[in-house]
N, C-alpha and C. Protein backbone atom coordinates (compact mmCIF):
# COMPACT_ATOMS: atom_id res chain seq x y z
N MET A 1 155.03 127.76 195.45
CA MET A 1 155.31 128.94 196.26
C MET A 1 154.13 129.16 197.19
N ASP A 2 154.45 129.48 198.43
CA ASP A 2 153.46 129.71 199.46
C ASP A 2 153.59 131.15 199.93
N VAL A 3 152.49 131.91 199.94
CA VAL A 3 152.50 133.30 200.39
C VAL A 3 151.48 133.43 201.51
N GLU A 4 151.95 133.91 202.66
CA GLU A 4 151.05 134.16 203.78
C GLU A 4 151.11 135.63 204.15
N LYS A 5 149.93 136.22 204.38
CA LYS A 5 149.85 137.61 204.82
C LYS A 5 149.61 137.63 206.32
N VAL A 6 150.40 138.45 207.02
CA VAL A 6 150.26 138.63 208.45
C VAL A 6 149.96 140.10 208.69
N GLU A 7 148.82 140.41 209.30
CA GLU A 7 148.50 141.79 209.65
C GLU A 7 148.91 142.01 211.09
N ALA A 8 149.87 142.91 211.30
CA ALA A 8 150.39 143.10 212.65
C ALA A 8 150.87 144.52 212.87
N GLY A 9 151.15 144.82 214.12
CA GLY A 9 151.67 146.13 214.48
C GLY A 9 150.57 147.12 214.74
N PRO A 10 150.95 148.32 215.17
CA PRO A 10 149.96 149.32 215.57
C PRO A 10 149.07 149.80 214.42
N LEU A 11 149.54 149.65 213.19
CA LEU A 11 148.74 150.09 212.03
C LEU A 11 148.24 148.91 211.19
N SER A 12 148.31 147.71 211.75
CA SER A 12 147.90 146.49 211.03
C SER A 12 148.55 146.41 209.65
N THR A 13 149.84 146.61 209.63
CA THR A 13 150.60 146.56 208.39
C THR A 13 150.61 145.15 207.83
N ASN A 14 150.52 145.04 206.52
CA ASN A 14 150.60 143.74 205.86
C ASN A 14 152.06 143.32 205.75
N THR A 15 152.38 142.21 206.39
CA THR A 15 153.68 141.57 206.29
C THR A 15 153.47 140.30 205.49
N TYR A 16 154.40 139.98 204.61
CA TYR A 16 154.27 138.78 203.78
C TYR A 16 155.41 137.82 204.06
N VAL A 17 155.06 136.55 204.22
CA VAL A 17 156.02 135.47 204.35
C VAL A 17 155.89 134.64 203.08
N VAL A 18 156.93 134.69 202.24
CA VAL A 18 156.91 134.04 200.93
C VAL A 18 157.92 132.89 200.97
N CYS A 19 157.43 131.67 200.72
CA CYS A 19 158.29 130.50 200.86
C CYS A 19 158.23 129.60 199.63
N MET A 20 159.38 129.02 199.34
CA MET A 20 159.49 127.92 198.38
C MET A 20 160.15 126.79 199.14
N ALA A 21 159.41 125.72 199.29
CA ALA A 21 159.90 124.57 200.06
C ALA A 21 160.23 125.04 201.47
N GLU A 22 161.48 124.92 201.88
CA GLU A 22 161.87 125.23 203.25
C GLU A 22 162.63 126.56 203.38
N GLU A 23 162.59 127.41 202.35
CA GLU A 23 163.29 128.70 202.39
C GLU A 23 162.30 129.82 202.14
N CYS A 24 162.40 130.88 202.95
CA CYS A 24 161.43 131.97 202.88
C CYS A 24 162.14 133.33 202.79
N ILE A 25 161.36 134.32 202.37
CA ILE A 25 161.73 135.72 202.56
C ILE A 25 160.57 136.36 203.32
N VAL A 26 160.89 137.37 204.09
CA VAL A 26 159.87 138.11 204.84
C VAL A 26 159.88 139.53 204.30
N ILE A 27 158.71 140.01 203.91
CA ILE A 27 158.59 141.34 203.30
C ILE A 27 157.79 142.25 204.24
N ASP A 28 158.34 143.41 204.54
CA ASP A 28 157.72 144.45 205.37
C ASP A 28 157.30 143.98 206.76
N PRO A 29 158.26 143.50 207.56
CA PRO A 29 157.92 143.04 208.90
C PRO A 29 157.74 144.19 209.88
N GLY A 30 156.57 144.79 209.85
CA GLY A 30 156.35 145.99 210.62
C GLY A 30 155.72 145.80 211.97
N GLY A 31 155.42 144.58 212.32
CA GLY A 31 154.70 144.40 213.58
C GLY A 31 155.30 143.36 214.47
N ASP A 32 154.56 142.34 214.70
CA ASP A 32 154.86 141.32 215.69
C ASP A 32 155.82 140.27 215.16
N ALA A 33 157.08 140.35 215.57
CA ALA A 33 158.08 139.38 215.11
C ALA A 33 157.72 137.97 215.53
N ASP A 34 157.12 137.81 216.70
CA ASP A 34 156.75 136.46 217.16
C ASP A 34 155.72 135.83 216.24
N GLU A 35 154.78 136.61 215.76
CA GLU A 35 153.77 136.08 214.83
C GLU A 35 154.42 135.65 213.52
N VAL A 36 155.35 136.44 213.02
CA VAL A 36 156.05 136.08 211.79
C VAL A 36 156.87 134.81 211.99
N LEU A 37 157.59 134.74 213.10
CA LEU A 37 158.40 133.55 213.39
C LEU A 37 157.51 132.31 213.49
N ALA A 38 156.33 132.45 214.05
CA ALA A 38 155.40 131.31 214.13
C ALA A 38 154.97 130.86 212.74
N ARG A 39 154.75 131.82 211.84
CA ARG A 39 154.33 131.49 210.47
C ARG A 39 155.44 130.78 209.69
N LEU A 40 156.67 130.98 210.09
CA LEU A 40 157.79 130.33 209.40
C LEU A 40 157.81 128.82 209.65
N ARG A 41 157.27 128.41 210.78
CA ARG A 41 157.19 126.99 211.13
C ARG A 41 158.53 126.26 210.94
N GLY A 42 159.61 126.91 211.41
CA GLY A 42 160.92 126.28 211.37
C GLY A 42 161.66 126.39 210.05
N ARG A 43 161.06 127.00 209.04
CA ARG A 43 161.74 127.15 207.75
C ARG A 43 162.81 128.24 207.86
N SER A 44 163.81 128.17 207.01
CA SER A 44 164.89 129.15 207.03
C SER A 44 164.45 130.44 206.33
N VAL A 45 165.13 131.54 206.67
CA VAL A 45 164.84 132.84 206.06
C VAL A 45 166.07 133.29 205.28
N ALA A 46 165.90 133.46 203.98
CA ALA A 46 166.99 133.88 203.12
C ALA A 46 167.21 135.39 203.20
N ALA A 47 166.13 136.14 203.47
CA ALA A 47 166.23 137.60 203.53
C ALA A 47 165.00 138.20 204.19
N VAL A 48 165.22 139.36 204.79
CA VAL A 48 164.14 140.22 205.27
C VAL A 48 164.21 141.47 204.40
N VAL A 49 163.09 141.83 203.79
CA VAL A 49 163.07 142.90 202.79
C VAL A 49 162.02 143.95 203.17
N ALA A 50 162.36 145.22 203.00
CA ALA A 50 161.40 146.30 203.20
C ALA A 50 161.16 147.00 201.88
N THR A 51 159.88 147.24 201.58
CA THR A 51 159.55 147.99 200.37
C THR A 51 159.87 149.47 200.54
N HIS A 52 159.82 149.94 201.79
CA HIS A 52 160.25 151.29 202.15
C HIS A 52 160.47 151.30 203.66
N LEU A 53 161.06 152.36 204.18
CA LEU A 53 161.54 152.34 205.55
C LEU A 53 160.66 153.08 206.56
N HIS A 54 159.37 153.18 206.32
CA HIS A 54 158.48 153.73 207.34
C HIS A 54 158.45 152.76 208.52
N PHE A 55 158.30 153.30 209.73
CA PHE A 55 158.38 152.47 210.94
C PHE A 55 157.43 151.29 210.91
N ASP A 56 156.25 151.47 210.32
CA ASP A 56 155.27 150.39 210.32
C ASP A 56 155.63 149.27 209.34
N HIS A 57 156.70 149.43 208.59
CA HIS A 57 157.16 148.38 207.67
C HIS A 57 158.47 147.74 208.13
N VAL A 58 159.10 148.31 209.16
CA VAL A 58 160.42 147.78 209.57
C VAL A 58 160.57 147.55 211.08
N ALA A 59 159.53 147.75 211.86
CA ALA A 59 159.67 147.66 213.32
C ALA A 59 160.20 146.32 213.81
N ALA A 60 159.87 145.23 213.13
CA ALA A 60 160.29 143.90 213.58
C ALA A 60 161.60 143.43 212.94
N VAL A 61 162.21 144.25 212.10
CA VAL A 61 163.43 143.83 211.39
C VAL A 61 164.54 143.40 212.35
N PRO A 62 164.92 144.20 213.34
CA PRO A 62 166.04 143.78 214.20
C PRO A 62 165.80 142.42 214.86
N GLU A 63 164.61 142.23 215.39
CA GLU A 63 164.31 140.96 216.07
C GLU A 63 164.31 139.79 215.09
N LEU A 64 163.73 139.97 213.90
CA LEU A 64 163.70 138.89 212.91
C LEU A 64 165.10 138.57 212.40
N ALA A 65 165.88 139.59 212.09
CA ALA A 65 167.22 139.36 211.58
C ALA A 65 168.07 138.63 212.62
N GLU A 66 167.94 139.02 213.89
CA GLU A 66 168.70 138.35 214.94
C GLU A 66 168.24 136.91 215.13
N ALA A 67 166.94 136.69 215.12
CA ALA A 67 166.40 135.35 215.36
C ALA A 67 166.70 134.38 214.22
N THR A 68 166.78 134.90 213.00
CA THR A 68 166.94 134.02 211.83
C THR A 68 168.33 134.06 211.22
N GLY A 69 169.11 135.10 211.52
CA GLY A 69 170.42 135.28 210.89
C GLY A 69 170.32 135.78 209.46
N ALA A 70 169.13 136.18 209.03
CA ALA A 70 168.91 136.63 207.66
C ALA A 70 169.39 138.06 207.46
N PRO A 71 169.89 138.38 206.28
CA PRO A 71 170.26 139.77 205.97
C PRO A 71 169.01 140.60 205.74
N PHE A 72 169.15 141.91 205.93
CA PHE A 72 168.06 142.85 205.70
C PHE A 72 168.37 143.67 204.46
N TYR A 73 167.37 143.81 203.58
CA TYR A 73 167.55 144.58 202.35
C TYR A 73 166.47 145.66 202.22
N ALA A 74 166.90 146.83 201.78
CA ALA A 74 166.01 147.94 201.45
C ALA A 74 166.72 148.76 200.39
N HIS A 75 165.97 149.52 199.64
CA HIS A 75 166.58 150.36 198.61
C HIS A 75 167.46 151.41 199.28
N PRO A 76 168.69 151.60 198.79
CA PRO A 76 169.60 152.55 199.44
C PRO A 76 169.13 154.00 199.39
N ALA A 77 168.24 154.36 198.48
CA ALA A 77 167.77 155.74 198.40
C ALA A 77 166.66 156.03 199.41
N ASP A 78 166.18 155.00 200.08
CA ASP A 78 165.08 155.23 201.03
C ASP A 78 165.60 155.61 202.38
């Protein structure tokens, strides 16, 4: 398993790209979608996940979901 931390966005939010082989999940993509996409290095994205829905944790979700075709998950109570 490979875990990369990306600090991005106006609040330098920690975004995590977690991969096993050629499949990844992206956790809390709150900043620069281009930086996250670069870290993927062509690997597929199984899911985009938010730990909570503050803007600094989800700002890049629409762009990442569109670029990768991955579903977005967050707790329904948030």
